[in-house]
Amino acid sequence: MAITAALVKELREKSGAGMMDAKKALTETDGDMEAAQDWLRTKGLAKAEKKSGRTAAEGLVGVSASGGTAVAVEINSETDFVAKNAEFQAMVASIASVAATVDDIEALKTAKIDGKPVADVVTDAVAKIGENMGVRRMAKLSGDNVATYIHNAAAEGMGKIGVLVAYTGDDAEFARGVGMHIAAINPAALSEADLDADTVEKEKQIQMDIARESGKPEAVIEKMIGGRMQKWLSEVTLLNQPYVKSEDGKTTVGKAAEAAGVTITGFVRLEVGEGIEKVEEDFAAEVAKAAKG
C-alpha cells in the first residue's frame, strides 16, 4: 500500500509521533492505521511529540573537556525529579561527550550516539520517561588549557551550573577556583574590552540620568560618571571583580591570577533554565479542577 502524506499526517495527529516515526510505522504495517498506532506504542514513540509544548526549564548542564577544548551543554526536562533520574543523566553524559566533536547546536542534534541522531535519542527519552525534554544550548571554549567547574553537581560532569575557563599557566586548581567564582558571581564579560559597546553606553546614560536627578551641574556630573562607571565595571567584568576566594575580600580576579602565574583568556557559564519563563502552577487548584471534570 502506498504511504501517502495524508496518511502520515493522520497518524501523527492520532499518535503525536514525529513525521519520520509515523512514516516508518505505516511502512512496517503496510498502511494499517490501527496496527501502526500499536507499533508506535510498542516502540515508545506515541505521544512523545505532544509533550513538546510543555515548558522544560529544569534539567542539567553537562561538561566535557579534552586537552585545550571543552564544551558545556544544557539539556532540559520539565522537573528536577527527572534531572535526578539515572537514565536522564546517562543521556546528558553521552550528549556532552558527542558535543565535543561538533561546532554548534544544530550539528549536535544531528550527531549520532550509537548510530542514532541526538534529536532522536531525546525523542525516545521523552516517550520513555514521560516529560518534555530538549537540547537547548551548547558552548565551546578553547585555549592553552581549559578548566571545568560544576556547581550543585548531580553526577560527575553535570549539575545546575556549568563553567568553562580558558587560561594560560600551570595552576589548574586556581583556574577551577575562578570557575567557582564565575558560577557564584556571574560576570557579564571577561574585561571592559569584551563588553558590548551598546551595553556600556546604555549604562553610562542611566548613570547620567541618575546624577541629573540630583540637580548637580553638568560639569560635576561628568566627573561623577567616571567613578560610577569604574564601580560598575568592577561589578560586571570578571578580571575586575573581587575574587571570592581572596583572603582580604578585595583582591581582584585579575590580580589573583597574576599572582598565580595565570592569564584568564575566556570563560563560559551556562545555568539550567536561564532565561526561560517558568509557569507557576497551583497544584491544589489543578486537582480541584480535575475533580470537577
C-alpha atoms as a PDB file:
ATOM      1  CA  MET A   1       0.000   0.000   0.000  1.00  0.00           C
ATOM      2  CA  ALA A   2       1.277   3.480  -0.880  1.00  0.00           C
ATOM      3  CA  ILE A   3       2.165   5.557   2.192  1.00  0.00           C
ATOM      4  CA  THR A   4       0.771   8.996   1.388  1.00  0.00           C
ATOM      5  CA  ALA A   5       1.466  12.305   3.111  1.00  0.00           C
ATOM      6  CA  ALA A   6      -2.177  12.447   4.186  1.00  0.00           C
ATOM      7  CA  LEU A   7      -1.860   9.042   5.841  1.00  0.00           C
ATOM      8  CA  VAL A   8       1.288  10.099   7.684  1.00  0.00           C
ATOM      9  CA  LYS A   9      -0.439  13.328   8.817  1.00  0.00           C
ATOM     10  CA  GLU A  10      -3.418  11.372  10.122  1.00  0.00           C
ATOM     11  CA  LEU A  11      -1.206   9.028  12.141  1.00  0.00           C
ATOM     12  CA  ARG A  12       0.778  11.934  13.554  1.00  0.00           C
ATOM     13  CA  GLU A  13      -2.404  13.629  14.731  1.00  0.00           C
ATOM     14  CA  LYS A  14      -3.687  10.445  16.323  1.00  0.00           C
ATOM     15  CA  SER A  15      -0.435   9.389  17.983  1.00  0.00           C
ATOM     16  CA  GLY A  16       1.572  12.567  18.499  1.00  0.00           C
ATOM     17  CA  ALA A  17       4.611  10.822  16.992  1.00  0.00           C
ATOM     18  CA  GLY A  18       7.165  12.556  14.789  1.00  0.00           C
ATOM     19  CA  MET A  19       6.855  12.553  11.000  1.00  0.00           C
ATOM     20  CA  MET A  20       9.629  10.052  10.315  1.00  0.00           C
ATOM     21  CA  ASP A  21       8.410   7.724  13.071  1.00  0.00           C
ATOM     22  CA  ALA A  22       4.851   7.870  11.737  1.00  0.00           C
ATOM     23  CA  LYS A  23       6.022   7.098   8.211  1.00  0.00           C
ATOM     24  CA  LYS A  24       8.132   4.184   9.422  1.00  0.00           C
ATOM     25  CA  ALA A  25       5.221   2.786  11.443  1.00  0.00           C
ATOM     26  CA  LEU A  26       2.950   2.862   8.399  1.00  0.00           C
ATOM     27  CA  THR A  27       5.621   1.274   6.247  1.00  0.00           C
ATOM     28  CA  GLU A  28       6.175  -1.503   8.790  1.00  0.00           C
ATOM     29  CA  THR A  29       2.414  -2.226   8.988  1.00  0.00           C
ATOM     30  CA  ASP A  30       1.622  -1.809   5.275  1.00  0.00           C
ATOM     31  CA  GLY A  31      -0.517   1.267   5.889  1.00  0.00           C
ATOM     32  CA  ASP A  32      -2.751  -0.260   8.567  1.00  0.00           C
ATOM     33  CA  MET A  33      -3.602   2.747  10.788  1.00  0.00           C
ATOM     34  CA  GLU A  34      -4.549   0.764  13.892  1.00  0.00           C
ATOM     35  CA  ALA A  35      -1.554  -1.534  13.618  1.00  0.00           C
ATOM     36  CA  ALA A  36       0.696   1.469  13.055  1.00  0.00           C
ATOM     37  CA  GLN A  37      -0.539   3.068  16.291  1.00  0.00           C
ATOM     38  CA  ASP A  38       0.168  -0.168  18.151  1.00  0.00           C
ATOM     39  CA  TRP A  39       3.633  -0.305  16.556  1.00  0.00           C
ATOM     40  CA  LEU A  40       4.385   3.219  17.801  1.00  0.00           C
ATOM     41  CA  ARG A  41       3.202   2.350  21.288  1.00  0.00           C
ATOM     42  CA  THR A  42       5.426  -0.722  21.464  1.00  0.00           C
ATOM     43  CA  LYS A  43       8.373   1.393  20.376  1.00  0.00           C
ATOM     44  CA  GLY A  44       7.549   4.032  22.998  1.00  0.00           C
ATOM     45  CA  LEU A  45       7.131   6.739  20.352  1.00  0.00           C
ATOM     46  CA  ALA A  46       3.431   7.521  20.597  1.00  0.00           C
ATOM     47  CA  LYS A  47       2.528  10.897  22.124  1.00  0.00           C
ATOM     48  CA  ALA A  48       6.183  11.891  22.541  1.00  0.00           C
ATOM     49  CA  GLU A  49       5.734  14.918  20.322  1.00  0.00           C
ATOM     50  CA  LYS A  50       2.602  16.089  22.152  1.00  0.00           C
ATOM     51  CA  LYS A  51       4.772  16.736  25.200  1.00  0.00           C
ATOM     52  CA  SER A  52       6.873  19.224  23.242  1.00  0.00           C
ATOM     53  CA  GLY A  53       4.553  22.120  24.090  1.00  0.00           C
ATOM     54  CA  ARG A  54       5.162  21.817  27.823  1.00  0.00           C
ATOM     55  CA  THR A  55       7.727  24.047  29.498  1.00  0.00           C
ATOM     56  CA  ALA A  56      11.040  22.343  30.174  1.00  0.00           C
ATOM     57  CA  ALA A  57      13.020  24.669  32.449  1.00  0.00           C
ATOM     58  CA  GLU A  58      14.733  22.125  34.697  1.00  0.00           C
ATOM     59  CA  GLY A  59      17.454  19.644  33.733  1.00  0.00           C
ATOM     60  CA  LEU A  60      21.240  19.615  33.788  1.00  0.00           C
ATOM     61  CA  VAL A  61      24.302  21.208  32.242  1.00  0.00           C
ATOM     62  CA  GLY A  62      26.856  18.604  31.180  1.00  0.00           C
ATOM     63  CA  VAL A  63      30.510  19.415  30.532  1.00  0.00           C
ATOM     64  CA  SER A  64      33.217  17.551  28.663  1.00  0.00           C
ATOM     65  CA  ALA A  65      36.879  18.501  28.253  1.00  0.00           C
ATOM     66  CA  SER A  66      39.801  17.182  26.259  1.00  0.00           C
ATOM     67  CA  GLY A  67      43.147  18.964  26.070  1.00  0.00           C
ATOM     68  CA  GLY A  68      42.663  22.621  25.272  1.00  0.00           C
ATOM     69  CA  THR A  69      38.982  22.346  24.326  1.00  0.00           C
ATOM     70  CA  ALA A  70      35.879  21.950  26.469  1.00  0.00           C
ATOM     71  CA  VAL A  71      32.151  22.082  25.874  1.00  0.00           C
ATOM     72  CA  ALA A  72      29.079  22.727  28.026  1.00  0.00           C
ATOM     73  CA  VAL A  73      25.591  21.585  27.011  1.00  0.00           C
ATOM     74  CA  GLU A  74      22.222  22.379  28.595  1.00  0.00           C
ATOM     75  CA  ILE A  75      19.687  19.547  28.440  1.00  0.00           C
ATOM     76  CA  ASN A  76      16.250  20.437  29.797  1.00  0.00           C
ATOM     77  CA  SER A  77      13.459  18.471  31.431  1.00  0.00           C
ATOM     78  CA  GLU A  78      10.173  19.560  32.968  1.00  0.00           C
ATOM     79  CA  THR A  79      11.008  18.627  36.553  1.00  0.00           C
ATOM     80  CA  ASP A  80      14.010  18.417  38.798  1.00  0.00           C
ATOM     81  CA  PHE A  81      12.880  14.881  39.654  1.00  0.00           C
ATOM     82  CA  VAL A  82      13.736  13.731  36.128  1.00  0.00           C
ATOM     83  CA  ALA A  83      17.096  15.533  36.325  1.00  0.00           C
ATOM     84  CA  LYS A  84      17.938  13.112  39.152  1.00  0.00           C
ATOM     85  CA  ASN A  85      16.962  10.115  37.003  1.00  0.00           C
ATOM     86  CA  ALA A  86      19.946   7.862  36.169  1.00  0.00           C
ATOM     87  CA  GLU A  87      18.782   7.350  32.578  1.00  0.00           C
ATOM     88  CA  PHE A  88      18.446  11.096  32.011  1.00  0.00           C
ATOM     89  CA  GLN A  89      21.912  11.659  33.472  1.00  0.00           C
ATOM     90  CA  ALA A  90      23.393   8.950  31.245  1.00  0.00           C
ATOM     91  CA  MET A  91      21.844  10.692  28.234  1.00  0.00           C
ATOM     92  CA  VAL A  92      23.296  14.051  29.320  1.00  0.00           C
ATOM     93  CA  ALA A  93      26.753  12.493  29.643  1.00  0.00           C
ATOM     94  CA  SER A  94      26.503  10.935  26.169  1.00  0.00           C
ATOM     95  CA  ILE A  95      25.322  14.175  24.565  1.00  0.00           C
ATOM     96  CA  ALA A  96      28.053  16.218  26.279  1.00  0.00           C
ATOM     97  CA  SER A  97      30.634  13.744  25.009  1.00  0.00           C
ATOM     98  CA  VAL A  98      29.473  13.904  21.388  1.00  0.00           C
ATOM     99  CA  ALA A  99      29.133  17.709  21.629  1.00  0.00           C
ATOM    100  CA  ALA A 100      32.909  17.899  21.834  1.00  0.00           C
ATOM    101  CA  THR A 101      33.047  16.676  18.215  1.00  0.00           C
ATOM    102  CA  VAL A 102      30.778  19.355  16.694  1.00  0.00           C
ATOM    103  CA  ASP A 103      30.732  23.146  16.455  1.00  0.00           C
ATOM    104  CA  ASP A 104      27.142  24.221  17.107  1.00  0.00           C
ATOM    105  CA  ILE A 105      23.769  23.156  18.441  1.00  0.00           C
ATOM    106  CA  GLU A 106      22.293  22.229  15.053  1.00  0.00           C
ATOM    107  CA  ALA A 107      25.225  19.954  14.278  1.00  0.00           C
ATOM    108  CA  LEU A 108      24.845  18.427  17.732  1.00  0.00           C
ATOM    109  CA  LYS A 109      21.213  17.500  17.112  1.00  0.00           C
ATOM    110  CA  THR A 110      22.200  15.502  14.031  1.00  0.00           C
ATOM    111  CA  ALA A 111      25.353  13.988  15.558  1.00  0.00           C
ATOM    112  CA  LYS A 112      24.953  10.322  16.396  1.00  0.00           C
ATOM    113  CA  ILE A 113      25.072   8.339  19.612  1.00  0.00           C
ATOM    114  CA  ASP A 114      25.319   4.597  18.932  1.00  0.00           C
ATOM    115  CA  GLY A 115      24.138   5.211  15.372  1.00  0.00           C
ATOM    116  CA  LYS A 116      21.112   7.339  16.309  1.00  0.00           C
ATOM    117  CA  PRO A 117      20.872  11.156  15.932  1.00  0.00           C
ATOM    118  CA  VAL A 118      20.879  13.064  19.228  1.00  0.00           C
ATOM    119  CA  ALA A 119      17.445  14.524  18.392  1.00  0.00           C
ATOM    120  CA  ASP A 120      16.025  11.003  18.135  1.00  0.00           C
ATOM    121  CA  VAL A 121      17.753   9.922  21.343  1.00  0.00           C
ATOM    122  CA  VAL A 122      15.968  12.768  23.132  1.00  0.00           C
ATOM    123  CA  THR A 123      12.629  11.901  21.497  1.00  0.00           C
ATOM    124  CA  ASP A 124      12.990   8.318  22.692  1.00  0.00           C
ATOM    125  CA  ALA A 125      13.713   9.552  26.216  1.00  0.00           C
ATOM    126  CA  VAL A 126      10.615  11.792  26.130  1.00  0.00           C
ATOM    127  CA  ALA A 127       8.473   8.797  25.217  1.00  0.00           C
ATOM    128  CA  LYS A 128      10.047   6.562  27.839  1.00  0.00           C
ATOM    129  CA  ILE A 129      10.302   8.957  30.790  1.00  0.00           C
ATOM    130  CA  GLY A 130       7.139  10.909  30.030  1.00  0.00           C
ATOM    131  CA  GLU A 131       8.349  14.507  30.168  1.00  0.00           C
ATOM    132  CA  ASN A 132       9.218  17.093  27.565  1.00  0.00           C
ATOM    133  CA  MET A 133      12.985  17.395  27.107  1.00  0.00           C
ATOM    134  CA  GLY A 134      15.274  19.305  24.809  1.00  0.00           C
ATOM    135  CA  VAL A 135      18.853  20.131  23.910  1.00  0.00           C
ATOM    136  CA  ARG A 136      18.713  23.881  24.446  1.00  0.00           C
ATOM    137  CA  ARG A 137      22.237  25.307  24.288  1.00  0.00           C
ATOM    138  CA  MET A 138      25.865  24.406  23.868  1.00  0.00           C
ATOM    139  CA  ALA A 139      29.016  26.469  24.165  1.00  0.00           C
ATOM    140  CA  LYS A 140      32.551  25.515  23.233  1.00  0.00           C
ATOM    141  CA  LEU A 141      35.767  27.078  24.522  1.00  0.00           C
ATOM    142  CA  SER A 142      39.388  26.593  23.520  1.00  0.00           C
ATOM    143  CA  GLY A 143      42.699  27.809  24.932  1.00  0.00           C
ATOM    144  CA  ASP A 144      46.121  26.643  26.059  1.00  0.00           C
ATOM    145  CA  ASN A 145      44.257  24.978  28.928  1.00  0.00           C
ATOM    146  CA  VAL A 146      40.574  24.775  29.839  1.00  0.00           C
ATOM    147  CA  ALA A 147      39.300  24.054  33.357  1.00  0.00           C
ATOM    148  CA  THR A 148      35.734  22.974  34.129  1.00  0.00           C
ATOM    149  CA  TYR A 149      33.620  23.581  37.204  1.00  0.00           C
ATOM    150  CA  ILE A 150      30.192  22.206  38.081  1.00  0.00           C
ATOM    151  CA  HIS A 151      28.042  23.852  40.733  1.00  0.00           C
ATOM    152  CA  ASN A 152      25.383  21.833  42.538  1.00  0.00           C
ATOM    153  CA  ALA A 153      26.585  18.635  40.889  1.00  0.00           C
ATOM    154  CA  ALA A 154      24.043  15.858  40.299  1.00  0.00           C
ATOM    155  CA  ALA A 155      26.659  13.430  38.984  1.00  0.00           C
ATOM    156  CA  GLU A 156      30.186  13.504  37.568  1.00  0.00           C
ATOM    157  CA  GLY A 157      30.465  16.296  34.995  1.00  0.00           C
ATOM    158  CA  MET A 158      26.916  17.633  35.296  1.00  0.00           C
ATOM    159  CA  GLY A 159      24.876  19.934  37.501  1.00  0.00           C
ATOM    160  CA  LYS A 160      22.788  23.082  37.632  1.00  0.00           C
ATOM    161  CA  ILE A 161      25.595  25.421  36.536  1.00  0.00           C
ATOM    162  CA  GLY A 162      28.487  24.505  34.265  1.00  0.00           C
ATOM    163  CA  VAL A 163      31.541  26.749  33.827  1.00  0.00           C
ATOM    164  CA  LEU A 164      34.472  26.558  31.415  1.00  0.00           C
ATOM    165  CA  VAL A 165      37.616  28.651  31.996  1.00  0.00           C
ATOM    166  CA  ALA A 166      40.318  29.040  29.329  1.00  0.00           C
ATOM    167  CA  TYR A 167      43.720  30.047  30.648  1.00  0.00           C
ATOM    168  CA  THR A 168      47.467  30.039  30.191  1.00  0.00           C
ATOM    169  CA  GLY A 169      49.721  28.872  33.016  1.00  0.00           C
ATOM    170  CA  ASP A 170      50.038  25.727  35.108  1.00  0.00           C
ATOM    171  CA  ASP A 171      47.805  26.337  38.112  1.00  0.00           C
ATOM    172  CA  ALA A 172      44.740  24.232  37.275  1.00  0.00           C
ATOM    173  CA  GLU A 173      43.433  24.481  40.842  1.00  0.00           C
ATOM    174  CA  PHE A 174      43.408  28.268  40.651  1.00  0.00           C
ATOM    175  CA  ALA A 175      41.588  28.137  37.294  1.00  0.00           C
ATOM    176  CA  ARG A 176      38.982  25.860  38.858  1.00  0.00           C
ATOM    177  CA  GLY A 177      38.625  28.378  41.696  1.00  0.00           C
ATOM    178  CA  VAL A 178      37.921  31.064  39.088  1.00  0.00           C
ATOM    179  CA  GLY A 179      35.254  28.733  37.695  1.00  0.00           C
ATOM    180  CA  MET A 180      33.681  28.651  41.158  1.00  0.00           C
ATOM    181  CA  HIS A 181      33.797  32.460  41.260  1.00  0.00           C
ATOM    182  CA  ILE A 182      32.098  32.704  37.848  1.00  0.00           C
ATOM    183  CA  ALA A 183      29.378  30.271  38.932  1.00  0.00           C
ATOM    184  CA  ALA A 184      28.665  32.376  42.027  1.00  0.00           C
ATOM    185  CA  ILE A 185      29.012  35.945  40.703  1.00  0.00           C
ATOM    186  CA  ASN A 186      28.016  35.534  37.025  1.00  0.00           C
ATOM    187  CA  PRO A 187      30.158  38.247  35.390  1.00  0.00           C
ATOM    188  CA  ALA A 188      28.905  39.745  32.126  1.00  0.00           C
ATOM    189  CA  ALA A 189      32.300  39.699  30.397  1.00  0.00           C
ATOM    190  CA  LEU A 190      35.986  38.965  30.892  1.00  0.00           C
ATOM    191  CA  SER A 191      37.091  42.623  30.783  1.00  0.00           C
ATOM    192  CA  GLU A 192      35.878  46.032  29.690  1.00  0.00           C
ATOM    193  CA  ALA A 193      37.150  45.345  26.164  1.00  0.00           C
ATOM    194  CA  ASP A 194      34.813  42.349  25.924  1.00  0.00           C
ATOM    195  CA  LEU A 195      31.672  44.241  26.898  1.00  0.00           C
ATOM    196  CA  ASP A 196      29.191  45.176  24.192  1.00  0.00           C
ATOM    197  CA  ALA A 197      29.656  48.883  23.374  1.00  0.00           C
ATOM    198  CA  ASP A 198      25.898  49.481  23.381  1.00  0.00           C
ATOM    199  CA  THR A 199      25.640  47.955  26.865  1.00  0.00           C
ATOM    200  CA  VAL A 200      28.365  50.273  28.172  1.00  0.00           C
ATOM    201  CA  GLU A 201      26.757  53.322  26.581  1.00  0.00           C
ATOM    202  CA  LYS A 202      23.341  52.410  27.959  1.00  0.00           C
ATOM    203  CA  GLU A 203      24.749  52.097  31.479  1.00  0.00           C
ATOM    204  CA  LYS A 204      26.538  55.435  31.104  1.00  0.00           C
ATOM    205  CA  GLN A 205      23.288  57.139  30.099  1.00  0.00           C
ATOM    206  CA  ILE A 206      21.480  55.558  33.052  1.00  0.00           C
ATOM    207  CA  GLN A 207      24.154  56.802  35.450  1.00  0.00           C
ATOM    208  CA  MET A 208      24.000  60.298  33.928  1.00  0.00           C
ATOM    209  CA  ASP A 209      20.213  60.404  34.276  1.00  0.00           C
ATOM    210  CA  ILE A 210      20.509  59.333  37.913  1.00  0.00           C
ATOM    211  CA  ALA A 211      23.114  62.036  38.529  1.00  0.00           C
ATOM    212  CA  ARG A 212      20.942  64.707  36.842  1.00  0.00           C
ATOM    213  CA  GLU A 213      18.105  63.839  39.190  1.00  0.00           C
ATOM    214  CA  SER A 214      20.314  65.211  41.982  1.00  0.00           C
ATOM    215  CA  GLY A 215      20.249  68.631  40.315  1.00  0.00           C
ATOM    216  CA  LYS A 216      24.025  68.943  40.088  1.00  0.00           C
ATOM    217  CA  PRO A 217      25.668  70.963  37.263  1.00  0.00           C
ATOM    218  CA  GLU A 218      26.712  69.101  34.071  1.00  0.00           C
ATOM    219  CA  ALA A 219      30.415  69.728  34.784  1.00  0.00           C
ATOM    220  CA  VAL A 220      30.087  67.972  38.149  1.00  0.00           C
ATOM    221  CA  ILE A 221      28.036  65.177  36.619  1.00  0.00           C
ATOM    222  CA  GLU A 222      30.755  64.419  34.059  1.00  0.00           C
ATOM    223  CA  LYS A 223      33.260  63.936  36.894  1.00  0.00           C
ATOM    224  CA  MET A 224      30.852  61.771  38.857  1.00  0.00           C
ATOM    225  CA  ILE A 225      30.217  59.463  35.920  1.00  0.00           C
ATOM    226  CA  GLY A 226      33.860  58.365  35.651  1.00  0.00           C
ATOM    227  CA  GLY A 227      33.823  56.967  39.171  1.00  0.00           C
ATOM    228  CA  ARG A 228      30.402  55.414  38.813  1.00  0.00           C
ATOM    229  CA  MET A 229      31.336  53.662  35.587  1.00  0.00           C
ATOM    230  CA  GLN A 230      34.510  52.289  37.178  1.00  0.00           C
ATOM    231  CA  LYS A 231      32.433  50.893  40.019  1.00  0.00           C
ATOM    232  CA  TRP A 232      30.009  49.321  37.541  1.00  0.00           C
ATOM    233  CA  LEU A 233      32.843  47.769  35.544  1.00  0.00           C
ATOM    234  CA  SER A 234      34.255  46.263  38.721  1.00  0.00           C
ATOM    235  CA  GLU A 235      30.891  44.609  39.289  1.00  0.00           C
ATOM    236  CA  VAL A 236      30.285  43.151  35.814  1.00  0.00           C
ATOM    237  CA  THR A 237      33.746  42.244  34.434  1.00  0.00           C
ATOM    238  CA  LEU A 238      35.462  39.118  35.720  1.00  0.00           C
ATOM    239  CA  LEU A 239      39.014  40.434  35.952  1.00  0.00           C
ATOM    240  CA  ASN A 240      37.893  43.493  37.939  1.00  0.00           C
ATOM    241  CA  GLN A 241      35.640  41.681  40.414  1.00  0.00           C
ATOM    242  CA  PRO A 242      36.889  40.970  43.958  1.00  0.00           C
ATOM    243  CA  TYR A 243      37.898  37.299  43.894  1.00  0.00           C
ATOM    244  CA  VAL A 244      35.559  35.253  46.118  1.00  0.00           C
ATOM    245  CA  LYS A 245      38.453  33.137  47.392  1.00  0.00           C
ATOM    246  CA  SER A 246      40.753  36.044  48.252  1.00  0.00           C
ATOM    247  CA  GLU A 247      41.633  36.313  51.938  1.00  0.00           C
ATOM    248  CA  ASP A 248      41.161  40.073  52.119  1.00  0.00           C
ATOM    249  CA  GLY A 249      37.955  40.132  50.080  1.00  0.00           C
ATOM    250  CA  LYS A 250      39.397  42.930  47.949  1.00  0.00           C
ATOM    251  CA  THR A 251      41.972  41.354  45.629  1.00  0.00           C
ATOM    252  CA  THR A 252      40.538  41.236  42.118  1.00  0.00           C
ATOM    253  CA  VAL A 253      40.431  38.101  39.979  1.00  0.00           C
ATOM    254  CA  GLY A 254      42.924  39.737  37.634  1.00  0.00           C
ATOM    255  CA  LYS A 255      45.429  40.431  40.444  1.00  0.00           C
ATOM    256  CA  ALA A 256      44.927  36.968  41.941  1.00  0.00           C
ATOM    257  CA  ALA A 257      45.543  35.401  38.535  1.00  0.00           C
ATOM    258  CA  GLU A 258      48.702  37.423  38.099  1.00  0.00           C
ATOM    259  CA  ALA A 259      49.989  36.208  41.466  1.00  0.00           C
ATOM    260  CA  ALA A 260      49.207  32.608  40.469  1.00  0.00           C
ATOM    261  CA  GLY A 261      51.069  32.954  37.175  1.00  0.00           C
ATOM    262  CA  VAL A 262      47.816  32.513  35.249  1.00  0.00           C
ATOM    263  CA  THR A 263      46.177  34.541  32.488  1.00  0.00           C
ATOM    264  CA  ILE A 264      42.439  34.026  32.059  1.00  0.00           C
ATOM    265  CA  THR A 265      41.653  34.206  28.336  1.00  0.00           C
ATOM    266  CA  GLY A 266      37.940  33.373  28.267  1.00  0.00           C
ATOM    267  CA  PHE A 267      35.031  31.748  30.059  1.00  0.00           C
ATOM    268  CA  VAL A 268      31.595  30.244  29.528  1.00  0.00           C
ATOM    269  CA  ARG A 269      28.809  29.951  32.102  1.00  0.00           C
ATOM    270  CA  LEU A 270      25.595  28.011  31.470  1.00  0.00           C
ATOM    271  CA  GLU A 271      22.863  27.786  34.085  1.00  0.00           C
ATOM    272  CA  VAL A 272      19.872  25.487  33.756  1.00  0.00           C
ATOM    273  CA  GLY A 273      16.676  27.302  32.810  1.00  0.00           C
ATOM    274  CA  GLU A 274      18.373  30.679  32.428  1.00  0.00           C
ATOM    275  CA  GLY A 275      16.026  32.989  30.521  1.00  0.00           C
ATOM    276  CA  ILE A 276      13.122  30.516  30.391  1.00  0.00           C
ATOM    277  CA  GLU A 277       9.852  31.857  31.740  1.00  0.00           C
ATOM    278  CA  LYS A 278       8.535  29.279  34.158  1.00  0.00           C
ATOM    279  CA  VAL A 279       4.808  28.773  34.624  1.00  0.00           C
ATOM    280  CA  GLU A 280       3.949  28.632  38.317  1.00  0.00           C
ATOM    281  CA  GLU A 281       1.245  26.037  38.812  1.00  0.00           C
ATOM    282  CA  ASP A 282      -1.236  25.925  41.697  1.00  0.00           C
ATOM    283  CA  PHE A 283      -1.302  22.181  42.365  1.00  0.00           C
ATOM    284  CA  ALA A 284      -4.326  22.335  44.685  1.00  0.00           C
ATOM    285  CA  ALA A 285      -6.320  24.305  42.113  1.00  0.00           C
ATOM    286  CA  GLU A 286      -5.299  21.846  39.402  1.00  0.00           C
ATOM    287  CA  VAL A 287      -6.529  18.887  41.462  1.00  0.00           C
ATOM    288  CA  ALA A 288      -9.806  20.660  42.273  1.00  0.00           C
ATOM    289  CA  LYS A 289     -10.342  21.431  38.594  1.00  0.00           C
ATOM    290  CA  ALA A 290      -9.717  17.812  37.631  1.00  0.00           C
ATOM    291  CA  ALA A 291     -12.138  16.587  40.331  1.00  0.00           C
ATOM    292  CA  LYS A 292     -14.906  18.709  38.855  1.00  0.00           C
ATOM    293  CA  GLY A 293     -14.348  17.074  35.468  1.00  0.00           C
END
